[in-house]
Amino acid sequence: MEYVLKEFKSNADLLNGDFYQLSSYHWEADTPYRPLTYANVGIVGDSLVAVLKCYEDDPKADCLNRDDPIYTDSCLEFFVAPVSEKDEYINVECNSKGVFLSEFGAGKYGRRLVSDLTPLSPSVDSFSGEDDNGAYWGVFVEITKEFVYSVYKINIDCIDFSKVKLNFYKCGDGCQIPHYLTFSPVTTLPPGFHNPDCFATFKKEI
């Protein structure tokens, strides 16, 4: 399915925009855990910015260092292929403290840590609050053109985020109840989030 990639003046405007709910549930325990989780993505200035938000009272956040196994915590994840003619994609996996793991590659196997490829990195900012649905936490994940250039090694003038493929996830491999929520359903084998064939397509408005 194809979605519109909108432009926003600021991250705050993106946060106040329409959200997509993560409502595809996979590999569930006998007693499912389905925390309300939402995400949005847009272009802010020269950057691609995702915002993810989850309603949880006490999210597990034991990982303290970049590139720790963040997926064992309560984790919000943004996987994106920002260069339409390339198969490789970037995964950014974040806990409620804003600690993140980020890798690069064309599939689940043979991925490389972004920190081994470039001194640049995604920008991850965490936030929390409470509203009528309860307590929530979330993250902004910003991908700049300079960062994409430094990872993909392509002409920076060719990077315009006019068409990107992506998915949003909520998981917690090491949580009391492991859980796996996705925005775009995972329908191919092998099972798992590293299924770029199941990414959704977002195109910039003309």
N, C-alpha and C. Protein backbone atom coordinates (compact mmCIF):
# COMPACT_ATOMS: atom_id res chain seq x y z
N MET A 1 0.84 -1.19 0.00
CA MET A 1 0.00 0.00 0.00
C MET A 1 0.87 1.24 0.00
N GLU A 2 0.37 2.31 -0.61
CA GLU A 2 1.14 3.55 -0.73
C GLU A 2 0.50 4.65 0.10
N TYR A 3 1.36 5.43 0.76
CA TYR A 3 0.91 6.51 1.64
C TYR A 3 1.58 7.81 1.22
N VAL A 4 0.98 8.92 1.64
CA VAL A 4 1.51 10.24 1.30
C VAL A 4 2.55 10.65 2.34
N LEU A 5 3.70 11.07 1.86
CA LEU A 5 4.76 11.58 2.72
C LEU A 5 4.64 13.10 2.74
N LYS A 6 4.20 13.63 3.87
CA LYS A 6 3.91 15.05 3.97
C LYS A 6 5.11 15.83 4.51
N GLU A 7 5.10 17.13 4.25
CA GLU A 7 6.12 18.02 4.79
C GLU A 7 5.55 18.77 6.00
N PHE A 8 6.41 18.96 7.01
CA PHE A 8 6.01 19.65 8.23
C PHE A 8 7.05 20.74 8.54
N LYS A 9 6.61 21.78 9.22
CA LYS A 9 7.51 22.88 9.55
C LYS A 9 8.44 22.55 10.71
N SER A 10 8.00 21.64 11.59
CA SER A 10 8.78 21.31 12.77
C SER A 10 8.42 19.93 13.28
N ASN A 11 9.24 19.40 14.19
CA ASN A 11 8.92 18.13 14.83
C ASN A 11 7.63 18.23 15.64
N ALA A 12 7.39 19.39 16.23
CA ALA A 12 6.16 19.59 17.00
C ALA A 12 4.94 19.48 16.11
N ASP A 13 5.02 20.03 14.89
CA ASP A 13 3.90 19.91 13.95
C ASP A 13 3.69 18.45 13.55
N LEU A 14 4.77 17.72 13.39
CA LEU A 14 4.67 16.29 13.07
C LEU A 14 3.99 15.54 14.20
N LEU A 15 4.38 15.86 15.43
CA LEU A 15 3.79 15.20 16.61
C LEU A 15 2.29 15.49 16.70
N ASN A 16 1.88 16.65 16.24
CA ASN A 16 0.47 17.03 16.30
C ASN A 16 -0.31 16.61 15.05
N GLY A 17 0.36 15.95 14.11
CA GLY A 17 -0.32 15.50 12.90
C GLY A 17 -1.06 14.20 13.10
N ASP A 18 -1.60 13.67 12.01
CA ASP A 18 -2.32 12.40 12.07
C ASP A 18 -1.33 11.25 12.28
N PHE A 19 -1.74 10.29 13.09
CA PHE A 19 -0.89 9.13 13.37
C PHE A 19 -1.48 7.88 12.74
N TYR A 20 -0.61 6.91 12.48
CA TYR A 20 -1.01 5.59 12.06
C TYR A 20 -0.88 4.65 13.26
N GLN A 21 -1.88 3.81 13.47
CA GLN A 21 -1.80 2.86 14.58
C GLN A 21 -1.10 1.59 14.13
N LEU A 22 -0.25 1.06 14.99
CA LEU A 22 0.36 -0.24 14.75
C LEU A 22 -0.64 -1.30 15.21
N SER A 23 -1.30 -1.92 14.27
CA SER A 23 -2.42 -2.80 14.61
C SER A 23 -2.29 -4.19 13.99
N SER A 24 -1.08 -4.55 13.59
CA SER A 24 -0.82 -5.90 13.13
C SER A 24 0.02 -6.60 14.20
N TYR A 25 -0.48 -7.73 14.68
CA TYR A 25 0.13 -8.40 15.83
C TYR A 25 0.67 -9.76 15.40
N HIS A 26 1.94 -10.04 15.77
CA HIS A 26 2.60 -11.25 15.29
C HIS A 26 3.22 -12.02 16.45
N TRP A 27 3.30 -13.36 16.31
CA TRP A 27 4.08 -14.24 17.19
C TRP A 27 3.75 -13.98 18.66
N GLU A 28 2.45 -13.98 18.97
CA GLU A 28 2.00 -13.56 20.29
C GLU A 28 2.09 -14.68 21.32
N ALA A 29 2.24 -14.28 22.57
CA ALA A 29 2.17 -15.20 23.70
C ALA A 29 0.72 -15.65 23.91
N ASP A 30 0.55 -16.66 24.76
CA ASP A 30 -0.80 -17.16 25.03
C ASP A 30 -1.70 -16.05 25.58
N THR A 31 -1.10 -15.17 26.38
CA THR A 31 -1.81 -13.98 26.86
C THR A 31 -1.22 -12.78 26.14
N PRO A 32 -1.88 -12.30 25.08
CA PRO A 32 -1.29 -11.25 24.26
C PRO A 32 -1.12 -9.93 25.02
N TYR A 33 -0.11 -9.19 24.63
CA TYR A 33 0.13 -7.84 25.14
C TYR A 33 0.13 -6.91 23.94
N ARG A 34 -0.82 -5.98 23.91
CA ARG A 34 -1.00 -5.11 22.76
C ARG A 34 -1.10 -3.64 23.19
N PRO A 35 0.00 -3.03 23.61
CA PRO A 35 -0.06 -1.63 24.03
C PRO A 35 -0.41 -0.73 22.85
N LEU A 36 -1.24 0.27 23.10
CA LEU A 36 -1.57 1.24 22.05
C LEU A 36 -0.29 1.89 21.55
N THR A 37 -0.05 1.78 20.26
CA THR A 37 1.18 2.30 19.67
C THR A 37 0.85 3.00 18.36
N TYR A 38 1.43 4.18 18.18
CA TYR A 38 1.16 4.99 17.00
C TYR A 38 2.47 5.51 16.41
N ALA A 39 2.43 5.87 15.13
CA ALA A 39 3.62 6.41 14.49
C ALA A 39 3.21 7.34 13.35
N ASN A 40 4.14 8.21 13.01
CA ASN A 40 3.97 9.11 11.88
C ASN A 40 5.34 9.39 11.30
N VAL A 41 5.39 9.86 10.07
CA VAL A 41 6.65 10.18 9.43
C VAL A 41 6.42 11.36 8.49
N GLY A 42 7.44 12.18 8.35
CA GLY A 42 7.31 13.33 7.46
C GLY A 42 8.67 13.93 7.15
N ILE A 43 8.65 14.89 6.27
CA ILE A 43 9.86 15.63 5.93
C ILE A 43 9.84 16.94 6.70
N VAL A 44 10.90 17.18 7.45
CA VAL A 44 11.04 18.42 8.22
C VAL A 44 12.35 19.07 7.76
N GLY A 45 12.24 20.17 7.03
CA GLY A 45 13.44 20.77 6.46
C GLY A 45 14.08 19.83 5.46
N ASP A 46 15.36 19.49 5.68
CA ASP A 46 16.07 18.56 4.81
C ASP A 46 16.16 17.16 5.40
N SER A 47 15.36 16.89 6.42
CA SER A 47 15.45 15.61 7.11
C SER A 47 14.17 14.80 6.98
N LEU A 48 14.33 13.49 7.08
CA LEU A 48 13.20 12.58 7.22
C LEU A 48 13.06 12.29 8.71
N VAL A 49 11.88 12.55 9.26
CA VAL A 49 11.68 12.41 10.70
C VAL A 49 10.50 11.48 10.98
N ALA A 50 10.73 10.50 11.83
CA ALA A 50 9.66 9.62 12.30
C ALA A 50 9.39 9.92 13.76
N VAL A 51 8.13 9.80 14.15
CA VAL A 51 7.78 9.90 15.56
C VAL A 51 6.95 8.67 15.91
N LEU A 52 7.32 8.01 17.01
CA LEU A 52 6.62 6.82 17.47
C LEU A 52 6.23 7.04 18.92
N LYS A 53 5.06 6.54 19.29
CA LYS A 53 4.48 6.83 20.61
C LYS A 53 3.75 5.59 21.11
N CYS A 54 4.03 5.20 22.36
CA CYS A 54 3.43 3.99 22.93
C CYS A 54 2.89 4.28 24.32
N TYR A 55 1.72 3.73 24.60
CA TYR A 55 1.09 3.90 25.91
C TYR A 55 1.50 2.75 26.82
N GLU A 56 2.44 3.03 27.72
CA GLU A 56 2.91 2.07 28.71
C GLU A 56 3.24 2.82 29.99
N ASP A 57 2.89 2.22 31.12
CA ASP A 57 3.15 2.88 32.41
C ASP A 57 4.61 2.79 32.82
N ASP A 58 5.24 1.65 32.61
CA ASP A 58 6.60 1.44 33.12
C ASP A 58 7.40 0.64 32.10
N PRO A 59 7.79 1.26 30.99
CA PRO A 59 8.50 0.52 29.94
C PRO A 59 9.86 0.03 30.41
N LYS A 60 10.18 -1.20 30.09
CA LYS A 60 11.49 -1.77 30.43
C LYS A 60 12.57 -1.03 29.64
N ALA A 61 13.59 -0.55 30.33
CA ALA A 61 14.67 0.20 29.68
C ALA A 61 15.97 -0.08 30.42
N ASP A 62 16.50 -1.29 30.28
CA ASP A 62 17.71 -1.68 30.96
C ASP A 62 18.97 -1.34 30.17
N CYS A 63 18.86 -1.24 28.85
CA CYS A 63 20.03 -0.95 28.02
C CYS A 63 20.42 0.52 28.16
N LEU A 64 21.72 0.76 28.32
CA LEU A 64 22.20 2.11 28.60
C LEU A 64 23.16 2.64 27.54
N ASN A 65 23.65 1.77 26.66
CA ASN A 65 24.68 2.17 25.71
C ASN A 65 24.23 1.97 24.27
N ARG A 66 24.68 2.86 23.39
CA ARG A 66 24.37 2.71 21.98
C ARG A 66 24.79 1.33 21.48
N ASP A 67 23.91 0.74 20.67
CA ASP A 67 24.11 -0.55 20.04
C ASP A 67 24.05 -1.73 21.01
N ASP A 68 23.59 -1.49 22.25
CA ASP A 68 23.18 -2.60 23.10
C ASP A 68 21.99 -3.31 22.45
N PRO A 69 21.61 -4.50 22.90
CA PRO A 69 20.44 -5.21 22.32
C PRO A 69 19.12 -4.57 22.77
N ILE A 70 18.83 -3.42 22.19
CA ILE A 70 17.69 -2.61 22.61
C ILE A 70 16.37 -3.36 22.47
N TYR A 71 16.30 -4.30 21.53
CA TYR A 71 15.07 -5.06 21.30
C TYR A 71 14.68 -5.93 22.50
N THR A 72 15.58 -6.09 23.46
CA THR A 72 15.22 -6.82 24.68
C THR A 72 14.48 -5.92 25.67
N ASP A 73 14.58 -4.61 25.48
CA ASP A 73 13.79 -3.65 26.26
C ASP A 73 12.42 -3.47 25.61
N SER A 74 11.59 -2.65 26.24
CA SER A 74 10.40 -2.15 25.54
C SER A 74 10.92 -1.22 24.47
N CYS A 75 10.61 -1.52 23.23
CA CYS A 75 11.36 -0.94 22.11
C CYS A 75 10.43 -0.44 21.02
N LEU A 76 10.71 0.77 20.52
CA LEU A 76 10.06 1.32 19.34
C LEU A 76 11.09 1.36 18.21
N GLU A 77 10.68 0.91 17.03
CA GLU A 77 11.65 0.74 15.94
C GLU A 77 11.17 1.38 14.65
N PHE A 78 12.12 1.97 13.94
CA PHE A 78 11.88 2.59 12.63
C PHE A 78 12.86 1.98 11.65
N PHE A 79 12.33 1.25 10.65
CA PHE A 79 13.15 0.66 9.60
C PHE A 79 12.85 1.44 8.32
N VAL A 80 13.88 1.91 7.62
CA VAL A 80 13.63 2.75 6.46
C VAL A 80 14.67 2.51 5.36
N ALA A 81 14.18 2.43 4.14
CA ALA A 81 15.01 2.40 2.93
C ALA A 81 14.81 3.75 2.24
N PRO A 82 15.68 4.73 2.51
CA PRO A 82 15.45 6.10 2.03
C PRO A 82 15.92 6.36 0.61
N VAL A 83 16.60 5.38 -0.01
CA VAL A 83 17.11 5.54 -1.37
C VAL A 83 16.41 4.51 -2.25
N SER A 84 15.52 4.97 -3.12
CA SER A 84 14.59 4.06 -3.80
C SER A 84 15.29 3.05 -4.69
N GLU A 85 16.45 3.38 -5.24
CA GLU A 85 17.12 2.44 -6.14
C GLU A 85 18.08 1.49 -5.42
N LYS A 86 18.12 1.56 -4.10
CA LYS A 86 19.00 0.71 -3.31
C LYS A 86 18.18 -0.28 -2.47
N ASP A 87 18.72 -1.50 -2.29
CA ASP A 87 18.03 -2.52 -1.50
C ASP A 87 18.30 -2.36 0.00
N GLU A 88 19.40 -1.73 0.36
CA GLU A 88 19.77 -1.63 1.77
C GLU A 88 18.80 -0.72 2.53
N TYR A 89 18.64 -1.02 3.81
CA TYR A 89 17.79 -0.20 4.67
C TYR A 89 18.48 -0.01 6.02
N ILE A 90 18.01 0.99 6.75
CA ILE A 90 18.55 1.35 8.06
C ILE A 90 17.51 0.99 9.11
N ASN A 91 17.93 0.32 10.18
CA ASN A 91 17.02 0.09 11.31
C ASN A 91 17.50 0.91 12.50
N VAL A 92 16.56 1.57 13.17
CA VAL A 92 16.85 2.34 14.38
C VAL A 92 15.89 1.84 15.45
N GLU A 93 16.43 1.23 16.51
CA GLU A 93 15.64 0.60 17.56
C GLU A 93 15.90 1.33 18.87
N CYS A 94 14.86 1.82 19.53
CA CYS A 94 15.01 2.78 20.62
C CYS A 94 14.25 2.34 21.87
N ASN A 95 14.84 2.62 23.04
CA ASN A 95 14.08 2.45 24.28
C ASN A 95 13.63 3.80 24.82
N SER A 96 12.96 3.80 25.95
CA SER A 96 12.34 5.03 26.46
C SER A 96 13.36 6.03 26.99
N LYS A 97 14.63 5.60 27.13
CA LYS A 97 15.69 6.51 27.55
C LYS A 97 16.35 7.19 26.35
N GLY A 98 15.92 6.85 25.17
CA GLY A 98 16.52 7.40 23.96
C GLY A 98 17.78 6.69 23.53
N VAL A 99 18.10 5.56 24.18
CA VAL A 99 19.24 4.74 23.78
C VAL A 99 18.83 3.93 22.55
N PHE A 100 19.74 3.82 21.57
CA PHE A 100 19.32 3.17 20.32
C PHE A 100 20.41 2.27 19.74
N LEU A 101 19.94 1.33 18.94
CA LEU A 101 20.75 0.44 18.11
C LEU A 101 20.44 0.78 16.66
N SER A 102 21.46 0.90 15.83
CA SER A 102 21.22 1.21 14.41
C SER A 102 22.15 0.39 13.54
N GLU A 103 21.58 -0.22 12.50
CA GLU A 103 22.34 -1.08 11.60
C GLU A 103 21.98 -0.78 10.15
N PHE A 104 22.77 -1.34 9.23
CA PHE A 104 22.61 -1.09 7.80
C PHE A 104 22.85 -2.38 7.03
N GLY A 105 22.02 -2.65 6.05
CA GLY A 105 22.20 -3.83 5.21
C GLY A 105 20.96 -4.09 4.38
N ALA A 106 21.02 -5.13 3.54
CA ALA A 106 19.92 -5.43 2.63
C ALA A 106 18.96 -6.48 3.19
N GLY A 107 19.27 -7.07 4.33
CA GLY A 107 18.41 -8.09 4.91
C GLY A 107 18.78 -8.34 6.35
N LYS A 108 18.21 -9.39 6.92
CA LYS A 108 18.44 -9.69 8.33
C LYS A 108 19.89 -10.06 8.61
N TYR A 109 20.51 -10.78 7.69
CA TYR A 109 21.85 -11.29 7.92
C TYR A 109 22.90 -10.40 7.23
N GLY A 110 24.07 -10.36 7.82
CA GLY A 110 25.15 -9.57 7.26
C GLY A 110 25.00 -8.07 7.49
N ARG A 111 24.18 -7.68 8.47
CA ARG A 111 24.01 -6.27 8.74
C ARG A 111 25.24 -5.72 9.47
N ARG A 112 25.48 -4.43 9.28
CA ARG A 112 26.62 -3.78 9.90
C ARG A 112 26.14 -2.65 10.79
N LEU A 113 26.82 -2.45 11.91
CA LEU A 113 26.48 -1.33 12.77
C LEU A 113 26.77 -0.02 12.05
N VAL A 114 25.82 0.89 12.10
CA VAL A 114 26.02 2.20 11.51
C VAL A 114 27.23 2.90 12.13
N SER A 115 27.44 2.67 13.42
CA SER A 115 28.57 3.30 14.11
C SER A 115 29.92 2.83 13.57
N ASP A 116 29.96 1.70 12.87
CA ASP A 116 31.20 1.23 12.23
C ASP A 116 31.38 1.81 10.83
N LEU A 117 30.33 2.43 10.29
CA LEU A 117 30.36 2.92 8.92
C LEU A 117 30.60 4.42 8.82
N THR A 118 30.16 5.17 9.83
CA THR A 118 30.22 6.62 9.74
C THR A 118 30.21 7.24 11.13
N PRO A 119 30.87 8.41 11.29
CA PRO A 119 30.78 9.12 12.56
C PRO A 119 29.43 9.81 12.75
N LEU A 120 28.66 9.92 11.66
CA LEU A 120 27.33 10.51 11.76
C LEU A 120 26.35 9.44 12.25
N SER A 121 25.19 9.88 12.74
CA SER A 121 24.22 8.92 13.26
C SER A 121 22.82 9.48 13.13
N PRO A 122 21.81 8.60 13.23
CA PRO A 122 20.44 9.12 13.37
C PRO A 122 20.37 9.93 14.66
N SER A 123 19.48 10.89 14.67
CA SER A 123 19.22 11.65 15.90
C SER A 123 17.98 11.06 16.57
N VAL A 124 18.12 10.68 17.84
CA VAL A 124 17.01 10.08 18.58
C VAL A 124 16.74 10.91 19.83
N ASP A 125 15.51 11.40 19.95
CA ASP A 125 15.10 12.18 21.11
C ASP A 125 13.87 11.53 21.72
N SER A 126 13.93 11.22 23.00
CA SER A 126 12.80 10.57 23.66
C SER A 126 11.92 11.61 24.35
N PHE A 127 10.67 11.24 24.59
CA PHE A 127 9.74 12.11 25.30
C PHE A 127 8.73 11.24 26.04
N SER A 128 8.00 11.83 26.96
CA SER A 128 6.97 11.09 27.70
C SER A 128 5.90 12.07 28.15
N GLY A 129 4.77 11.54 28.57
CA GLY A 129 3.67 12.38 29.02
C GLY A 129 2.47 11.54 29.40
N GLU A 130 1.35 12.19 29.50
CA GLU A 130 0.11 11.51 29.86
C GLU A 130 -1.05 12.27 29.24
N ASP A 131 -2.03 11.54 28.74
CA ASP A 131 -3.24 12.14 28.20
C ASP A 131 -4.43 11.26 28.55
N ASP A 132 -5.55 11.42 27.85
CA ASP A 132 -6.76 10.67 28.18
C ASP A 132 -6.58 9.16 28.04
N ASN A 133 -5.60 8.73 27.23
CA ASN A 133 -5.35 7.29 27.05
C ASN A 133 -4.39 6.73 28.08
N GLY A 134 -3.80 7.59 28.91
CA GLY A 134 -2.87 7.12 29.93
C GLY A 134 -1.47 7.65 29.73
N ALA A 135 -0.52 7.03 30.42
CA ALA A 135 0.89 7.43 30.32
C ALA A 135 1.47 6.89 29.01
N TYR A 136 2.34 7.69 28.40
CA TYR A 136 2.96 7.27 27.15
C TYR A 136 4.43 7.67 27.13
N TRP A 137 5.16 7.02 26.25
CA TRP A 137 6.53 7.42 25.94
C TRP A 137 6.72 7.34 24.44
N GLY A 138 7.72 8.04 23.95
CA GLY A 138 7.92 8.04 22.52
C GLY A 138 9.30 8.53 22.14
N VAL A 139 9.56 8.48 20.84
CA VAL A 139 10.84 8.94 20.30
C VAL A 139 10.64 9.64 18.97
N PHE A 140 11.48 10.63 18.74
CA PHE A 140 11.68 11.19 17.41
C PHE A 140 12.95 10.57 16.84
N VAL A 141 12.90 10.13 15.59
CA VAL A 141 14.09 9.61 14.91
C VAL A 141 14.29 10.45 13.65
N GLU A 142 15.42 11.16 13.60
CA GLU A 142 15.70 12.05 12.47
C GLU A 142 16.83 11.48 11.62
N ILE A 143 16.57 11.41 10.31
CA ILE A 143 17.55 10.93 9.33
C ILE A 143 17.86 12.10 8.40
N THR A 144 19.08 12.62 8.46
CA THR A 144 19.45 13.75 7.60
C THR A 144 19.98 13.25 6.26
N LYS A 145 19.99 14.14 5.27
CA LYS A 145 20.57 13.79 3.98
C LYS A 145 22.06 13.49 4.11
N GLU A 146 22.75 14.25 4.96
CA GLU A 146 24.18 14.02 5.14
C GLU A 146 24.44 12.63 5.72
N PHE A 147 23.58 12.20 6.65
CA PHE A 147 23.74 10.87 7.23
C PHE A 147 23.50 9.80 6.17
N VAL A 148 22.45 9.94 5.37
CA VAL A 148 22.17 8.97 4.31
C VAL A 148 23.33 8.92 3.33
N TYR A 149 23.85 10.06 2.96
CA TYR A 149 25.01 10.12 2.06
C TYR A 149 26.20 9.37 2.66
N SER A 150 26.44 9.55 3.95
CA SER A 150 27.61 8.95 4.59
C SER A 150 27.49 7.44 4.68
N VAL A 151 26.27 6.92 4.70
CA VAL A 151 26.06 5.47 4.79
C VAL A 151 26.00 4.83 3.41
N TYR A 152 25.26 5.43 2.50
CA TYR A 152 25.03 4.84 1.18
C TYR A 152 26.12 5.19 0.17
N LYS A 153 26.89 6.25 0.43
CA LYS A 153 27.96 6.67 -0.47
C LYS A 153 27.45 7.00 -1.87
N ILE A 154 26.34 7.73 -1.93
CA ILE A 154 25.81 8.16 -3.22
C ILE A 154 25.83 9.69 -3.26
N ASN A 155 25.61 10.23 -4.43
CA ASN A 155 25.58 11.68 -4.61
C ASN A 155 24.51 12.29 -3.71
N ILE A 156 24.91 13.21 -2.87
CA ILE A 156 23.95 13.78 -1.93
C ILE A 156 22.83 14.54 -2.64
N ASP A 157 23.09 15.03 -3.85
CA ASP A 157 22.06 15.75 -4.61
C ASP A 157 20.95 14.83 -5.08
N CYS A 158 21.19 13.51 -5.03
CA CYS A 158 20.17 12.53 -5.45
C CYS A 158 19.25 12.13 -4.30
N ILE A 159 19.54 12.64 -3.11
CA ILE A 159 18.76 12.26 -1.93
C ILE A 159 17.70 13.33 -1.68
N ASP A 160 16.45 13.00 -1.90
CA ASP A 160 15.39 13.99 -1.71
C ASP A 160 14.19 13.44 -0.93
N PHE A 161 14.25 12.17 -0.52
CA PHE A 161 13.17 11.54 0.26
C PHE A 161 11.82 11.62 -0.46
N SER A 162 11.86 11.66 -1.80
CA SER A 162 10.60 11.73 -2.53
C SER A 162 9.82 10.42 -2.49
N LYS A 163 10.55 9.31 -2.31
CA LYS A 163 9.90 8.00 -2.20
C LYS A 163 10.75 7.15 -1.27
N VAL A 164 10.16 6.70 -0.17
CA VAL A 164 10.88 5.85 0.79
C VAL A 164 10.02 4.65 1.14
N LYS A 165 10.67 3.57 1.49
CA LYS A 165 9.98 2.39 1.99
C LYS A 165 10.34 2.22 3.46
N LEU A 166 9.34 1.85 4.28
CA LEU A 166 9.60 1.84 5.72
C LEU A 166 8.58 0.98 6.45
N ASN A 167 8.90 0.74 7.72
CA ASN A 167 7.94 0.12 8.62
C ASN A 167 8.22 0.61 10.03
N PHE A 168 7.17 0.58 10.85
CA PHE A 168 7.26 0.93 12.25
C PHE A 168 6.96 -0.32 13.08
N TYR A 169 7.68 -0.47 14.20
CA TYR A 169 7.48 -1.65 15.03
C TYR A 169 7.48 -1.28 16.51
N LYS A 170 6.81 -2.12 17.30
CA LYS A 170 6.89 -2.10 18.76
C LYS A 170 7.17 -3.53 19.19
N CYS A 171 8.21 -3.72 20.01
CA CYS A 171 8.51 -5.08 20.45
C CYS A 171 9.11 -5.05 21.84
N GLY A 172 9.43 -6.21 22.35
CA GLY A 172 10.04 -6.36 23.66
C GLY A 172 10.42 -7.81 23.88
N ASP A 173 11.52 -8.24 23.27
CA ASP A 173 11.92 -9.64 23.35
C ASP A 173 12.15 -10.09 24.79
N GLY A 174 12.69 -9.18 25.63
CA GLY A 174 13.00 -9.55 26.99
C GLY A 174 12.01 -9.03 28.02
N CYS A 175 10.87 -8.58 27.57
CA CYS A 175 9.85 -8.06 28.49
C CYS A 175 9.07 -9.22 29.13
N GLN A 176 8.31 -8.91 30.17
CA GLN A 176 7.55 -9.94 30.88
C GLN A 176 6.65 -10.71 29.92
N ILE A 177 6.03 -9.98 28.99
CA ILE A 177 5.28 -10.63 27.91
C ILE A 177 5.89 -10.16 26.59
N PRO A 178 6.67 -10.99 25.93
CA PRO A 178 7.22 -10.60 24.63
C PRO A 178 6.09 -10.25 23.66
N HIS A 179 6.33 -9.24 22.83
CA HIS A 179 5.26 -8.77 21.95
C HIS A 179 5.88 -8.17 20.70
N TYR A 180 5.09 -8.21 19.60
CA TYR A 180 5.59 -7.80 18.29
C TYR A 180 4.46 -7.17 17.50
N LEU A 181 4.44 -5.85 17.48
CA LEU A 181 3.42 -5.08 16.78
C LEU A 181 4.06 -4.44 15.55
N THR A 182 3.34 -4.40 14.45
CA THR A 182 3.86 -3.77 13.24
C THR A 182 2.80 -2.85 12.62
N PHE A 183 3.29 -1.90 11.84
CA PHE A 183 2.40 -1.04 11.06
C PHE A 183 2.01 -1.75 9.77
N SER A 184 2.97 -2.05 8.93
CA SER A 184 2.72 -2.82 7.72
C SER A 184 2.90 -4.30 8.05
N PRO A 185 1.89 -5.14 7.86
CA PRO A 185 1.95 -6.53 8.32
C PRO A 185 3.12 -7.30 7.70
N VAL A 186 3.68 -8.20 8.49
CA VAL A 186 4.73 -9.10 8.00
C VAL A 186 4.04 -10.35 7.45
N THR A 187 4.15 -10.54 6.15
CA THR A 187 3.40 -11.61 5.49
C THR A 187 4.30 -12.60 4.76
N THR A 188 5.62 -12.40 4.82
CA THR A 188 6.53 -13.29 4.11
C THR A 188 7.43 -14.02 5.10
N LEU A 189 8.05 -15.09 4.63
CA LEU A 189 9.01 -15.86 5.42
C LEU A 189 10.43 -15.43 5.06
N PRO A 190 11.40 -15.52 5.99
CA PRO A 190 11.21 -15.98 7.37
C PRO A 190 10.51 -14.93 8.21
N PRO A 191 9.83 -15.33 9.29
CA PRO A 191 9.14 -14.35 10.12
C PRO A 191 10.14 -13.42 10.80
N GLY A 192 9.72 -12.20 11.01
CA GLY A 192 10.59 -11.23 11.67
C GLY A 192 10.44 -9.86 11.08
N PHE A 193 10.99 -8.88 11.77
CA PHE A 193 10.87 -7.49 11.32
C PHE A 193 11.74 -7.20 10.11
N HIS A 194 12.81 -7.99 9.92
CA HIS A 194 13.71 -7.74 8.79
C HIS A 194 13.14 -8.37 7.52
N ASN A 195 12.03 -7.82 7.08
CA ASN A 195 11.34 -8.26 5.87
C ASN A 195 11.04 -7.04 5.01
N PRO A 196 12.05 -6.53 4.28
CA PRO A 196 11.83 -5.31 3.50
C PRO A 196 10.77 -5.44 2.42
N ASP A 197 10.47 -6.68 2.00
CA ASP A 197 9.38 -6.86 1.03
C ASP A 197 8.03 -6.44 1.60
N CYS A 198 7.93 -6.35 2.94
CA CYS A 198 6.68 -5.98 3.60
C CYS A 198 6.65 -4.51 4.02
N PHE A 199 7.68 -3.74 3.67
CA PHE A 199 7.67 -2.33 4.00
C PHE A 199 6.56 -1.61 3.24
N ALA A 200 6.02 -0.56 3.83
CA ALA A 200 5.06 0.31 3.16
C ALA A 200 5.82 1.38 2.38
N THR A 201 5.20 1.88 1.32
CA THR A 201 5.80 2.93 0.49
C THR A 201 5.16 4.27 0.82
N PHE A 202 5.99 5.26 1.07
CA PHE A 202 5.55 6.63 1.28
C PHE A 202 6.13 7.52 0.20
N LYS A 203 5.27 8.29 -0.47
CA LYS A 203 5.72 9.18 -1.55
C LYS A 203 5.36 10.63 -1.21
N LYS A 204 6.31 11.50 -1.51
CA LYS A 204 6.11 12.92 -1.24
C LYS A 204 5.04 13.50 -2.14
N GLU A 205 4.25 14.40 -1.58
CA GLU A 205 3.22 15.07 -2.36
C GLU A 205 3.87 15.92 -3.45
N ILE A 206 3.29 15.89 -4.63
CA ILE A 206 3.80 16.68 -5.76
C ILE A 206 3.20 18.10 -5.71
